[in-house]
N, C-alpha and C. Protein backbone atom coordinates (compact mmCIF):
# COMPACT_ATOMS: atom_id res chain seq x y z
N MET A 1 60.83 28.09 137.70
CA MET A 1 59.83 27.61 136.77
C MET A 1 58.75 26.92 137.58
N ASN A 2 57.51 27.34 137.37
CA ASN A 2 56.44 26.72 138.14
C ASN A 2 56.07 25.35 137.56
N THR A 3 55.25 24.64 138.28
CA THR A 3 54.91 23.26 137.93
C THR A 3 54.16 23.17 136.60
N PHE A 4 53.26 24.12 136.34
CA PHE A 4 52.50 24.10 135.10
C PHE A 4 53.41 24.22 133.88
N VAL A 5 54.36 25.14 133.93
CA VAL A 5 55.26 25.35 132.80
C VAL A 5 56.16 24.13 132.61
N LYS A 6 56.62 23.56 133.69
CA LYS A 6 57.45 22.35 133.60
C LYS A 6 56.64 21.20 133.00
N LEU A 7 55.41 21.03 133.42
CA LEU A 7 54.55 19.99 132.87
C LEU A 7 54.25 20.25 131.39
N LEU A 8 54.00 21.50 131.02
CA LEU A 8 53.72 21.86 129.64
C LEU A 8 54.89 21.49 128.73
N PHE A 9 56.10 21.88 129.11
CA PHE A 9 57.26 21.59 128.27
C PHE A 9 57.63 20.11 128.30
N SER A 10 57.31 19.42 129.37
CA SER A 10 57.52 17.96 129.40
C SER A 10 56.56 17.27 128.44
N LEU A 11 55.31 17.71 128.41
CA LEU A 11 54.33 17.15 127.48
C LEU A 11 54.68 17.48 126.04
N LEU A 12 55.15 18.70 125.81
CA LEU A 12 55.57 19.08 124.47
C LEU A 12 56.76 18.24 124.00
N LEU A 13 57.71 18.00 124.90
CA LEU A 13 58.86 17.17 124.57
C LEU A 13 58.41 15.76 124.20
N ALA A 14 57.50 15.20 124.97
CA ALA A 14 56.98 13.87 124.67
C ALA A 14 56.25 13.86 123.34
N PHE A 15 55.44 14.89 123.07
CA PHE A 15 54.72 14.98 121.81
C PHE A 15 55.67 15.03 120.62
N PHE A 16 56.70 15.88 120.72
CA PHE A 16 57.64 16.01 119.61
C PHE A 16 58.41 14.71 119.37
N VAL A 17 58.79 14.03 120.43
CA VAL A 17 59.53 12.76 120.28
C VAL A 17 58.63 11.71 119.64
N ILE A 18 57.40 11.57 120.13
CA ILE A 18 56.48 10.58 119.57
C ILE A 18 56.15 10.91 118.11
N HIS A 19 55.96 12.18 117.81
CA HIS A 19 55.64 12.57 116.44
C HIS A 19 56.83 12.31 115.51
N LEU A 20 58.05 12.56 115.99
CA LEU A 20 59.24 12.28 115.19
C LEU A 20 59.36 10.78 114.91
N LEU A 21 59.14 9.97 115.93
CA LEU A 21 59.18 8.52 115.74
C LEU A 21 58.10 8.08 114.74
N ARG A 22 56.92 8.63 114.86
CA ARG A 22 55.84 8.29 113.94
C ARG A 22 56.20 8.66 112.51
N ASP A 23 56.77 9.83 112.32
CA ASP A 23 57.15 10.26 110.98
C ASP A 23 58.24 9.39 110.39
N ILE A 24 59.20 8.99 111.20
CA ILE A 24 60.26 8.10 110.73
C ILE A 24 59.68 6.76 110.32
N LEU A 25 58.75 6.24 111.10
CA LEU A 25 58.10 4.98 110.73
C LEU A 25 57.33 5.12 109.43
N GLN A 26 56.66 6.26 109.23
CA GLN A 26 55.92 6.48 108.00
C GLN A 26 56.85 6.62 106.79
N ILE A 27 57.99 7.27 106.98
CA ILE A 27 58.94 7.43 105.88
C ILE A 27 59.44 6.07 105.39
N TYR A 28 59.68 5.16 106.33
CA TYR A 28 60.17 3.84 105.97
C TYR A 28 59.05 2.82 105.73
N ASN A 29 57.80 3.31 105.66
CA ASN A 29 56.63 2.47 105.39
C ASN A 29 56.51 1.29 106.35
N ILE A 30 56.77 1.54 107.62
CA ILE A 30 56.60 0.53 108.66
C ILE A 30 55.23 0.77 109.29
N ASP A 31 54.32 -0.17 109.09
CA ASP A 31 52.96 -0.01 109.62
C ASP A 31 52.86 -0.57 111.03
N THR A 32 52.71 0.33 111.96
CA THR A 32 52.46 0.00 113.36
C THR A 32 51.30 0.87 113.81
N PRO A 33 50.68 0.57 114.94
CA PRO A 33 49.60 1.45 115.42
C PRO A 33 50.06 2.90 115.59
N LEU A 34 51.31 3.11 116.01
CA LEU A 34 51.81 4.47 116.16
C LEU A 34 51.95 5.15 114.80
N ALA A 35 52.43 4.42 113.80
CA ALA A 35 52.65 5.01 112.48
C ALA A 35 51.35 5.33 111.77
N THR A 36 50.29 4.61 112.06
CA THR A 36 49.02 4.85 111.38
C THR A 36 48.08 5.76 112.17
N LEU A 37 48.48 6.16 113.35
CA LEU A 37 47.66 7.03 114.20
C LEU A 37 47.52 8.40 113.54
N LEU A 38 46.30 8.79 113.25
CA LEU A 38 45.96 10.08 112.64
C LEU A 38 46.70 10.31 111.33
N ARG A 39 46.94 9.26 110.58
CA ARG A 39 47.62 9.40 109.28
C ARG A 39 46.65 10.03 108.29
N THR A 40 47.15 10.97 107.52
CA THR A 40 46.35 11.60 106.48
C THR A 40 47.00 11.30 105.13
N ASN A 41 46.29 11.57 104.05
CA ASN A 41 46.76 11.15 102.74
C ASN A 41 47.90 12.00 102.17
N HIS A 42 47.93 13.27 102.40
CA HIS A 42 48.99 14.16 101.92
C HIS A 42 49.22 14.04 100.42
N LEU A 43 48.17 13.86 99.66
CA LEU A 43 48.33 13.73 98.22
C LEU A 43 48.85 15.02 97.57
N TRP A 44 48.59 16.14 98.19
CA TRP A 44 48.91 17.42 97.59
C TRP A 44 50.40 17.75 97.65
N CYS A 45 51.16 17.09 98.50
CA CYS A 45 52.57 17.48 98.65
C CYS A 45 53.53 16.30 98.63
N ARG A 46 53.09 15.16 98.17
CA ARG A 46 53.99 14.01 98.10
C ARG A 46 55.18 14.32 97.23
N PRO A 47 56.34 13.91 97.50
CA PRO A 47 56.87 13.13 98.61
C PRO A 47 57.42 14.00 99.74
N PHE A 48 57.18 15.30 99.67
CA PHE A 48 57.79 16.21 100.64
C PHE A 48 57.10 16.24 101.99
N CYS A 49 55.84 15.84 102.07
CA CYS A 49 55.09 15.89 103.33
C CYS A 49 55.76 15.05 104.43
N ASP A 50 56.34 13.94 104.05
CA ASP A 50 56.96 13.08 105.05
C ASP A 50 58.11 13.78 105.76
N TYR A 51 58.73 14.72 105.09
CA TYR A 51 59.90 15.39 105.64
C TYR A 51 59.62 16.82 106.13
N ALA A 52 58.44 17.34 105.85
CA ALA A 52 58.13 18.74 106.15
C ALA A 52 58.13 19.04 107.64
N THR A 53 57.71 18.11 108.46
CA THR A 53 57.62 18.40 109.90
C THR A 53 58.89 18.03 110.67
N LEU A 54 59.84 17.37 110.03
CA LEU A 54 61.05 16.96 110.74
C LEU A 54 61.83 18.12 111.36
N PRO A 55 62.07 19.24 110.65
CA PRO A 55 62.78 20.35 111.29
C PRO A 55 62.02 20.92 112.49
N HIS A 56 60.70 21.01 112.37
CA HIS A 56 59.89 21.53 113.47
C HIS A 56 59.95 20.61 114.69
N GLU A 57 59.91 19.31 114.45
CA GLU A 57 59.99 18.35 115.55
C GLU A 57 61.35 18.38 116.23
N ILE A 58 62.40 18.44 115.43
CA ILE A 58 63.75 18.49 116.00
C ILE A 58 63.93 19.78 116.80
N PHE A 59 63.45 20.91 116.26
CA PHE A 59 63.51 22.17 116.99
C PHE A 59 62.73 22.07 118.30
N GLY A 60 61.56 21.45 118.26
CA GLY A 60 60.75 21.30 119.47
C GLY A 60 61.44 20.43 120.51
N ILE A 61 62.08 19.36 120.09
CA ILE A 61 62.78 18.48 121.02
C ILE A 61 63.96 19.22 121.66
N ILE A 62 64.76 19.88 120.84
CA ILE A 62 65.93 20.60 121.37
C ILE A 62 65.49 21.77 122.24
N GLY A 63 64.52 22.55 121.75
CA GLY A 63 64.06 23.71 122.50
C GLY A 63 63.42 23.34 123.83
N SER A 64 62.57 22.33 123.84
CA SER A 64 61.91 21.91 125.09
C SER A 64 62.94 21.35 126.07
N SER A 65 63.91 20.61 125.56
CA SER A 65 64.95 20.06 126.43
C SER A 65 65.77 21.16 127.09
N ILE A 66 66.11 22.18 126.30
CA ILE A 66 66.89 23.30 126.84
C ILE A 66 66.09 24.06 127.88
N VAL A 67 64.82 24.30 127.59
CA VAL A 67 63.96 25.02 128.55
C VAL A 67 63.88 24.24 129.86
N LEU A 68 63.69 22.93 129.78
CA LEU A 68 63.60 22.13 131.00
C LEU A 68 64.92 22.08 131.76
N LYS A 69 66.02 22.07 131.03
CA LYS A 69 67.33 22.04 131.69
C LYS A 69 67.64 23.37 132.35
N ARG A 70 67.37 24.47 131.66
CA ARG A 70 67.65 25.80 132.20
C ARG A 70 66.68 26.19 133.31
N LYS A 71 65.50 25.58 133.30
CA LYS A 71 64.42 25.93 134.24
C LYS A 71 63.98 27.38 134.06
N LYS A 72 64.02 27.82 132.80
CA LYS A 72 63.61 29.18 132.46
C LYS A 72 63.07 29.15 131.03
N VAL A 73 61.92 29.78 130.80
CA VAL A 73 61.29 29.74 129.49
C VAL A 73 62.12 30.55 128.49
N GLY A 74 62.32 31.81 128.72
CA GLY A 74 63.13 32.64 127.85
C GLY A 74 62.60 32.71 126.43
N ILE A 75 63.44 33.27 125.54
CA ILE A 75 63.05 33.44 124.14
C ILE A 75 62.87 32.10 123.45
N LEU A 76 63.73 31.15 123.74
CA LEU A 76 63.64 29.84 123.11
C LEU A 76 62.31 29.15 123.45
N GLY A 77 61.91 29.23 124.69
CA GLY A 77 60.63 28.64 125.10
C GLY A 77 59.46 29.30 124.41
N TRP A 78 59.52 30.61 124.26
CA TRP A 78 58.45 31.32 123.57
C TRP A 78 58.42 30.96 122.09
N LEU A 79 59.58 30.75 121.48
CA LEU A 79 59.61 30.33 120.08
C LEU A 79 58.99 28.95 119.91
N VAL A 80 59.26 28.05 120.84
CA VAL A 80 58.64 26.73 120.79
C VAL A 80 57.13 26.86 120.89
N LEU A 81 56.66 27.67 121.83
CA LEU A 81 55.21 27.86 122.00
C LEU A 81 54.58 28.55 120.80
N LEU A 82 55.27 29.51 120.22
CA LEU A 82 54.73 30.22 119.05
C LEU A 82 54.72 29.36 117.81
N SER A 83 55.51 28.30 117.78
CA SER A 83 55.51 27.42 116.62
C SER A 83 54.35 26.43 116.64
N LEU A 84 53.66 26.30 117.74
CA LEU A 84 52.57 25.34 117.86
C LEU A 84 51.38 25.61 116.93
N PRO A 85 51.02 26.87 116.66
CA PRO A 85 49.91 27.08 115.72
C PRO A 85 50.15 26.50 114.33
N LEU A 86 51.39 26.27 113.95
CA LEU A 86 51.67 25.64 112.65
C LEU A 86 51.04 24.26 112.58
N TRP A 87 51.08 23.52 113.69
CA TRP A 87 50.48 22.19 113.73
C TRP A 87 48.97 22.29 113.56
N SER A 88 48.38 23.26 114.23
CA SER A 88 46.92 23.42 114.15
C SER A 88 46.48 23.78 112.74
N ILE A 89 47.21 24.68 112.11
CA ILE A 89 46.84 25.11 110.75
C ILE A 89 46.89 23.92 109.79
N GLY A 90 47.96 23.15 109.84
CA GLY A 90 48.08 21.99 108.96
C GLY A 90 47.01 20.95 109.22
N PHE A 91 46.71 20.70 110.48
CA PHE A 91 45.71 19.70 110.84
C PHE A 91 44.31 20.12 110.39
N VAL A 92 43.97 21.40 110.57
CA VAL A 92 42.66 21.91 110.17
C VAL A 92 42.55 21.90 108.64
N MET A 93 43.61 22.31 107.95
CA MET A 93 43.57 22.31 106.49
C MET A 93 43.38 20.90 105.95
N GLU A 94 44.05 19.93 106.55
CA GLU A 94 43.90 18.55 106.11
C GLU A 94 42.48 18.05 106.39
N GLY A 95 41.95 18.38 107.57
CA GLY A 95 40.61 17.93 107.94
C GLY A 95 39.52 18.51 107.07
N LEU A 96 39.69 19.76 106.66
CA LEU A 96 38.69 20.42 105.83
C LEU A 96 38.90 20.16 104.34
N GLY A 97 39.98 19.52 104.00
CA GLY A 97 40.26 19.22 102.60
C GLY A 97 40.71 20.42 101.81
N LEU A 98 41.28 21.42 102.46
CA LEU A 98 41.71 22.63 101.78
C LEU A 98 43.05 22.47 101.06
N ASN A 99 43.74 21.40 101.30
CA ASN A 99 45.06 21.25 100.70
C ASN A 99 45.12 20.10 99.71
N ARG A 100 44.03 19.80 99.07
CA ARG A 100 44.02 18.71 98.09
C ARG A 100 44.06 19.22 96.69
């Protein structure tokens, strides 16, 4: 595994962990700078929005950890990478107000 791929999956692992922590803080209504970072209203899907990203985050944490341990991207690594556009779609839809 080259350095770029190792760095990419390390950054993805950090992102998924931080995002999971942020979502847990939001679920329990704990206001911290991390919990309020890029918070959106999610009026269109309450109360399910708080839990919608949890499976994706857990998959990303497990998948990135396995890729880093194996030192090989494989199918699991590609699935983690292919799941990333889901984040972009949700973020763009929220920003443009398409999901209200």
